[in-house]
Structures are given as C-alpha cells and as structure tokens.
Amino acid sequence: MKYFLTLIIACLISAATFAQVSEGKQSMSLGLNPAFSVTVDGANKKTTEKLWKDYLKEYGKVEKNKKAKEFYMTQVRIPSITGTGLVNLFSKIDDTKTSSTIHVWVDNGSSFVSSDESGDSAEGAKHFLREFSYVLQKEVITKELEDEEDRLKDLNKDLSKLEKKNKNLHGDIEKANEKIRKAEQDIEKNLKDQDDKRAEIEAQQEKVQEVTEKLNNVGKEG
C-alpha cells in the first residue's frame, strides 16, 4: 500500500508539472481562431469526452456539431473566464495512441479570447482548462492504479499457487520418505526372512539326507 501511495503522489506531482496549457490559432468550424490547448498523456478520447461534458454541465447544455466534430455551448456564463459576461464556448478533442488533446475556443461576442486582446479572460480560460486537465489526469492515474492493483492481485494469486505447489511438493517428499523408510524396514525383514528360510532349507536338507540314507540302508545287514 505504501508503494501505491507513493506512486499516486509521484503521478500527481508529475501531472501538476506537465499540465501546461498552450495558446495558438487552431482550425475549427468558424475558421482559424485563437484557442487554448492542453494534452494529457494516457487519456483516451472516450474518457476525455465524457469527463469534459460532465465538467461543462454546471454551465449549461453541451451541444455537438457532428460534422465539425466539435462541442459547443452558446451564451453561457463561466465566471473564471469572463466574470458575469456571456460567451460561446467551442471545443474539440484530438487523440493519439498515447494521449488526448483538448482545444477550446472562447467567443466573447466581439472576438475570440486571446492573450493579445483579452489578457484576463485568456488567463481565466487557461485556468479553466488547466483545472479540467487535473480532473482528467486524476482519472487516468486512478485507472492506472486500478490496473496496477489488479496486476498485484494476479501476482499474489500466482504466489499463492506457487506456495500451494511447494506445500504439495513437500508433501510428496514426505510421502516418498515414508515410503523409503517403510521399504528399508521391509528390506531388513526380508533379509531376516531370507536367513530364516536358509536355516529351514539346511534343516530340510539334513532330513532329506537322513531319509535318503534310510532308504539306501533297506535290506542291508548291520
């Protein structure tokens, strides 16, 4: 358990270190516009989409532009980005075999938010996206922990099987040793029985010899 707590702490420190939100123009349904992006290693698209929609629920309804493969929200208030103002929020998720990247565009009604034109809102958008990246990273790490715990369970099962096999092998050895002890006793008895039988044979040979002599002496004068 200590190992896994250390693993979680290390992963969370790593997550905090590498959850960097970048800013730059990205192509979307309304053209090439300023966007904020963050990449999370180990996250797949399905998990990212689910958590992203859950993350946005408290701000309003999330719609999807299937043709552009974008999510969007219209006239929503996200205090960390625009205070009391309303914005249109667009987002898109790209993924690779090892990570997911989420791009977010914020339309404040007059332009798309960027550090050049709306510094405070841009910082708010970065914070908003960074906080989501932590949610996603925790999910990824939780899944990683579950996988590692499952592997640990499997290893413990393997060890239990090996211990049981070792016990059975010791049992086999004990049985074999008992069989050897019994065989040694049987050997001793067998040797004694052989000696007894040889003595019987010698005695019987003497009797045979006596009877033979008796037979040979029939009709002979003494």
Foldseek 3Di string as FASTA:
>chain_A
DVVLVVVLVVLLVVLVVQFAKDWDWDQFPVGTAIKIKTKDWQDDPVLLVVLVLVLCVVFHDWDADVVRQKIKDFQTDDCLQPNRATWIKIKHWDDDPTMIMMIIWIGRPPGTDDCVPHVSNNVSVRVSVSVSSSVRSVVSSVVVSVVVVVVVVVVVVVVVVVVVVVVVVVVVVVVVVVVVVVVVVVVVVVVVVVVVVVVVVVVVVVVVVVVVVVVVCPPPDD
